[in-house]
Amino acid sequence: MSDSARAGAQGADSTRRPAPRPGGKKGTAELGVFARLARFVRQVVAELKKVVRPSRNDLIGYATAVLVFVAAVMAFVTLVDLGVGSLTQVVFGG
């Protein structure tokens, strides 16, 4: 794990569970609905703080790479389709 990931993960779950109540389920305290919801929201915010957003140049580079790859796959599938279609016409006589 990198140092930055470790540092970000340290504060991810800053909530503390209350002490177990006598007679509770399996010896652990059960948090209420609102406490669980609040913990969930805090954890989501902590995770979102770790997100690294790409710069404009990176985003343009990624988008270009995706578009070029999609165009290449489309060309390959088109050529295979035309080839199989032509082969089918030769074999079955169209």
N, C-alpha and C. Protein backbone atom coordinates (compact mmCIF):
# COMPACT_ATOMS: atom_id res chain seq x y z
N MET A 1 0.86 -1.17 0.00
CA MET A 1 0.00 0.00 0.00
C MET A 1 0.91 1.23 0.00
N SER A 2 0.56 2.22 -0.82
CA SER A 2 1.38 3.42 -0.89
C SER A 2 1.17 4.28 0.36
N ASP A 3 2.10 5.21 0.57
CA ASP A 3 2.01 6.08 1.74
C ASP A 3 0.78 6.96 1.69
N SER A 4 0.44 7.47 0.50
CA SER A 4 -0.74 8.34 0.40
C SER A 4 -2.02 7.56 0.65
N ALA A 5 -2.10 6.31 0.15
CA ALA A 5 -3.28 5.50 0.38
C ALA A 5 -3.41 5.14 1.86
N ARG A 6 -2.27 4.83 2.48
CA ARG A 6 -2.29 4.49 3.90
C ARG A 6 -2.73 5.69 4.73
N ALA A 7 -2.23 6.88 4.37
CA ALA A 7 -2.60 8.10 5.12
C ALA A 7 -4.07 8.40 4.94
N GLY A 8 -4.61 8.20 3.74
CA GLY A 8 -6.03 8.45 3.51
C GLY A 8 -6.91 7.44 4.20
N ALA A 9 -6.41 6.20 4.32
CA ALA A 9 -7.22 5.15 4.92
C ALA A 9 -7.28 5.26 6.43
N GLN A 10 -6.35 5.98 7.03
CA GLN A 10 -6.33 6.06 8.49
C GLN A 10 -7.57 6.76 9.03
N GLY A 11 -8.09 7.77 8.33
CA GLY A 11 -9.24 8.50 8.85
C GLY A 11 -10.55 8.06 8.23
N ALA A 12 -10.56 6.95 7.50
CA ALA A 12 -11.76 6.54 6.78
C ALA A 12 -12.90 6.17 7.72
N ASP A 13 -12.60 5.46 8.76
CA ASP A 13 -13.65 5.07 9.69
C ASP A 13 -13.36 5.73 11.04
N SER A 14 -13.78 6.97 11.14
CA SER A 14 -13.47 7.72 12.36
C SER A 14 -14.52 7.53 13.43
N THR A 15 -15.55 6.73 13.14
CA THR A 15 -16.59 6.50 14.15
C THR A 15 -16.14 5.42 15.11
N ARG A 16 -16.58 5.54 16.33
CA ARG A 16 -16.26 4.52 17.33
C ARG A 16 -17.56 3.87 17.75
N ARG A 17 -17.51 2.60 17.93
CA ARG A 17 -18.70 1.87 18.37
C ARG A 17 -18.87 2.04 19.87
N PRO A 18 -20.11 2.20 20.29
CA PRO A 18 -20.34 2.30 21.73
C PRO A 18 -20.06 0.98 22.42
N ALA A 19 -19.89 1.05 23.71
CA ALA A 19 -19.62 -0.16 24.48
C ALA A 19 -20.82 -1.10 24.38
N PRO A 20 -20.57 -2.39 24.37
CA PRO A 20 -21.69 -3.34 24.26
C PRO A 20 -22.66 -3.22 25.44
N ARG A 21 -23.93 -3.33 25.09
CA ARG A 21 -24.97 -3.30 26.12
C ARG A 21 -25.17 -4.72 26.65
N PRO A 22 -25.51 -4.82 27.90
CA PRO A 22 -25.77 -6.16 28.44
C PRO A 22 -26.97 -6.77 27.72
N GLY A 23 -26.84 -8.03 27.36
CA GLY A 23 -27.94 -8.74 26.71
C GLY A 23 -28.05 -8.42 25.23
N GLY A 24 -27.05 -7.77 24.65
CA GLY A 24 -27.08 -7.41 23.23
C GLY A 24 -26.81 -8.63 22.36
N LYS A 25 -26.97 -8.45 21.06
CA LYS A 25 -26.75 -9.54 20.11
C LYS A 25 -25.28 -9.94 20.08
N LYS A 26 -25.01 -11.16 20.33
CA LYS A 26 -23.68 -11.75 20.23
C LYS A 26 -22.60 -10.91 20.91
N GLY A 27 -22.95 -10.17 21.93
CA GLY A 27 -21.96 -9.43 22.69
C GLY A 27 -21.54 -8.12 22.06
N THR A 28 -22.17 -7.69 20.97
CA THR A 28 -21.80 -6.41 20.34
C THR A 28 -22.99 -5.47 20.39
N ALA A 29 -22.71 -4.20 20.45
CA ALA A 29 -23.78 -3.21 20.48
C ALA A 29 -24.28 -2.99 19.07
N GLU A 30 -25.58 -2.89 18.92
CA GLU A 30 -26.21 -2.66 17.63
C GLU A 30 -26.46 -1.17 17.49
N LEU A 31 -25.93 -0.57 16.42
CA LEU A 31 -26.13 0.84 16.18
C LEU A 31 -27.53 1.07 15.63
N GLY A 32 -28.10 2.22 15.93
CA GLY A 32 -29.41 2.55 15.41
C GLY A 32 -29.34 2.87 13.92
N VAL A 33 -30.52 3.02 13.33
CA VAL A 33 -30.61 3.28 11.89
C VAL A 33 -29.92 4.59 11.54
N PHE A 34 -30.17 5.64 12.31
CA PHE A 34 -29.59 6.94 12.00
C PHE A 34 -28.08 6.96 12.24
N ALA A 35 -27.62 6.23 13.23
CA ALA A 35 -26.18 6.16 13.49
C ALA A 35 -25.47 5.43 12.35
N ARG A 36 -26.09 4.35 11.85
CA ARG A 36 -25.50 3.62 10.73
C ARG A 36 -25.51 4.48 9.47
N LEU A 37 -26.59 5.22 9.26
CA LEU A 37 -26.68 6.10 8.10
C LEU A 37 -25.62 7.20 8.17
N ALA A 38 -25.44 7.79 9.36
CA ALA A 38 -24.43 8.84 9.54
C ALA A 38 -23.03 8.27 9.31
N ARG A 39 -22.77 7.07 9.80
CA ARG A 39 -21.46 6.45 9.59
C ARG A 39 -21.22 6.20 8.10
N PHE A 40 -22.27 5.74 7.41
CA PHE A 40 -22.16 5.48 5.98
C PHE A 40 -21.82 6.78 5.23
N VAL A 41 -22.51 7.86 5.55
CA VAL A 41 -22.26 9.14 4.88
C VAL A 41 -20.83 9.62 5.17
N ARG A 42 -20.36 9.47 6.41
CA ARG A 42 -18.99 9.87 6.74
C ARG A 42 -17.97 9.05 5.96
N GLN A 43 -18.23 7.76 5.80
CA GLN A 43 -17.31 6.91 5.06
C GLN A 43 -17.32 7.26 3.57
N VAL A 44 -18.49 7.60 3.02
CA VAL A 44 -18.56 8.00 1.62
C VAL A 44 -17.76 9.28 1.40
N VAL A 45 -17.93 10.25 2.29
CA VAL A 45 -17.19 11.51 2.16
C VAL A 45 -15.69 11.25 2.27
N ALA A 46 -15.27 10.38 3.18
CA ALA A 46 -13.85 10.07 3.33
C ALA A 46 -13.31 9.41 2.06
N GLU A 47 -14.09 8.53 1.43
CA GLU A 47 -13.64 7.89 0.19
C GLU A 47 -13.56 8.90 -0.94
N LEU A 48 -14.52 9.80 -1.01
CA LEU A 48 -14.52 10.80 -2.08
C LEU A 48 -13.35 11.77 -1.95
N LYS A 49 -12.87 11.98 -0.74
CA LYS A 49 -11.70 12.85 -0.55
C LYS A 49 -10.44 12.21 -1.11
N LYS A 50 -10.42 10.89 -1.27
CA LYS A 50 -9.26 10.19 -1.80
C LYS A 50 -9.21 10.22 -3.32
N VAL A 51 -10.30 10.60 -3.98
CA VAL A 51 -10.37 10.56 -5.44
C VAL A 51 -9.41 11.59 -6.03
N VAL A 52 -8.63 11.13 -7.00
CA VAL A 52 -7.72 12.02 -7.71
C VAL A 52 -8.33 12.27 -9.09
N ARG A 53 -8.63 13.51 -9.39
CA ARG A 53 -9.25 13.83 -10.67
C ARG A 53 -8.17 14.10 -11.70
N PRO A 54 -8.37 13.59 -12.93
CA PRO A 54 -7.36 13.82 -13.97
C PRO A 54 -7.37 15.27 -14.45
N SER A 55 -6.23 15.71 -14.94
CA SER A 55 -6.15 17.05 -15.50
C SER A 55 -6.86 17.07 -16.86
N ARG A 56 -7.04 18.25 -17.41
CA ARG A 56 -7.71 18.37 -18.71
C ARG A 56 -6.93 17.62 -19.79
N ASN A 57 -5.61 17.75 -19.79
CA ASN A 57 -4.79 17.05 -20.79
C ASN A 57 -4.89 15.53 -20.65
N ASP A 58 -4.88 15.04 -19.42
CA ASP A 58 -5.03 13.59 -19.19
C ASP A 58 -6.39 13.12 -19.70
N LEU A 59 -7.44 13.88 -19.39
CA LEU A 59 -8.78 13.50 -19.79
C LEU A 59 -8.92 13.45 -21.31
N ILE A 60 -8.33 14.42 -21.99
CA ILE A 60 -8.37 14.43 -23.46
C ILE A 60 -7.60 13.23 -24.00
N GLY A 61 -6.47 12.92 -23.40
CA GLY A 61 -5.69 11.75 -23.83
C GLY A 61 -6.44 10.45 -23.63
N TYR A 62 -7.09 10.30 -22.49
CA TYR A 62 -7.87 9.08 -22.22
C TYR A 62 -9.03 8.95 -23.19
N ALA A 63 -9.74 10.05 -23.44
CA ALA A 63 -10.88 10.02 -24.35
C ALA A 63 -10.43 9.68 -25.77
N THR A 64 -9.30 10.24 -26.19
CA THR A 64 -8.78 9.95 -27.53
C THR A 64 -8.40 8.48 -27.64
N ALA A 65 -7.76 7.94 -26.62
CA ALA A 65 -7.37 6.53 -26.65
C ALA A 65 -8.60 5.63 -26.75
N VAL A 66 -9.64 5.96 -26.01
CA VAL A 66 -10.87 5.16 -26.06
C VAL A 66 -11.51 5.23 -27.44
N LEU A 67 -11.60 6.43 -28.01
CA LEU A 67 -12.22 6.58 -29.32
C LEU A 67 -11.43 5.85 -30.40
N VAL A 68 -10.10 5.91 -30.34
CA VAL A 68 -9.27 5.20 -31.32
C VAL A 68 -9.46 3.69 -31.17
N PHE A 69 -9.48 3.20 -29.96
CA PHE A 69 -9.68 1.77 -29.73
C PHE A 69 -11.04 1.31 -30.23
N VAL A 70 -12.09 2.08 -29.96
CA VAL A 70 -13.44 1.73 -30.42
C VAL A 70 -13.49 1.72 -31.94
N ALA A 71 -12.86 2.71 -32.59
CA ALA A 71 -12.83 2.75 -34.05
C ALA A 71 -12.10 1.54 -34.62
N ALA A 72 -11.00 1.13 -33.99
CA ALA A 72 -10.25 -0.03 -34.46
C ALA A 72 -11.08 -1.31 -34.32
N VAL A 73 -11.77 -1.46 -33.22
CA VAL A 73 -12.61 -2.65 -33.02
C VAL A 73 -13.75 -2.66 -34.03
N MET A 74 -14.35 -1.49 -34.28
CA MET A 74 -15.43 -1.40 -35.27
C MET A 74 -14.93 -1.80 -36.65
N ALA A 75 -13.74 -1.33 -37.02
CA ALA A 75 -13.18 -1.68 -38.32
C ALA A 75 -12.93 -3.19 -38.41
N PHE A 76 -12.39 -3.77 -37.36
CA PHE A 76 -12.13 -5.21 -37.34
C PHE A 76 -13.42 -6.01 -37.48
N VAL A 77 -14.43 -5.64 -36.72
CA VAL A 77 -15.71 -6.37 -36.77
C VAL A 77 -16.35 -6.20 -38.15
N THR A 78 -16.25 -5.01 -38.74
CA THR A 78 -16.80 -4.78 -40.08
C THR A 78 -16.11 -5.67 -41.11
N LEU A 79 -14.77 -5.74 -41.04
CA LEU A 79 -14.04 -6.58 -41.99
C LEU A 79 -14.39 -8.06 -41.82
N VAL A 80 -14.49 -8.52 -40.59
CA VAL A 80 -14.85 -9.92 -40.34
C VAL A 80 -16.26 -10.19 -40.86
N ASP A 81 -17.18 -9.27 -40.64
CA ASP A 81 -18.56 -9.44 -41.10
C ASP A 81 -18.61 -9.51 -42.62
N LEU A 82 -17.90 -8.61 -43.30
CA LEU A 82 -17.88 -8.63 -44.76
C LEU A 82 -17.25 -9.92 -45.28
N GLY A 83 -16.18 -10.36 -44.62
CA GLY A 83 -15.52 -11.60 -45.03
C GLY A 83 -16.43 -12.82 -44.87
N VAL A 84 -17.10 -12.91 -43.73
CA VAL A 84 -17.99 -14.05 -43.48
C VAL A 84 -19.18 -13.98 -44.45
N GLY A 85 -19.67 -12.79 -44.71
CA GLY A 85 -20.77 -12.65 -45.67
C GLY A 85 -20.38 -13.08 -47.07
N SER A 86 -19.21 -12.66 -47.50
CA SER A 86 -18.72 -13.06 -48.83
C SER A 86 -18.49 -14.56 -48.90
N LEU A 87 -17.90 -15.13 -47.85
CA LEU A 87 -17.66 -16.56 -47.80
C LEU A 87 -18.98 -17.33 -47.85
N THR A 88 -19.97 -16.84 -47.16
CA THR A 88 -21.29 -17.49 -47.16
C THR A 88 -21.90 -17.46 -48.55
N GLN A 89 -21.76 -16.35 -49.26
CA GLN A 89 -22.29 -16.26 -50.62
C GLN A 89 -21.57 -17.22 -51.57
N VAL A 90 -20.26 -17.37 -51.40
CA VAL A 90 -19.50 -18.27 -52.25
C VAL A 90 -19.90 -19.71 -51.98
N VAL A 91 -20.03 -20.07 -50.70
CA VAL A 91 -20.34 -21.45 -50.33
C VAL A 91 -21.76 -21.83 -50.72
N PHE A 92 -22.72 -20.98 -50.41
CA PHE A 92 -24.12 -21.33 -50.66
C PHE A 92 -24.66 -20.76 -51.95
N GLY A 93 -23.87 -19.98 -52.65
CA GLY A 93 -24.28 -19.41 -53.95
C GLY A 93 -25.45 -18.46 -53.78
N GLY A 94 -25.18 -17.18 -53.81
CA GLY A 94 -26.23 -16.22 -53.55
C GLY A 94 -26.64 -15.57 -54.78
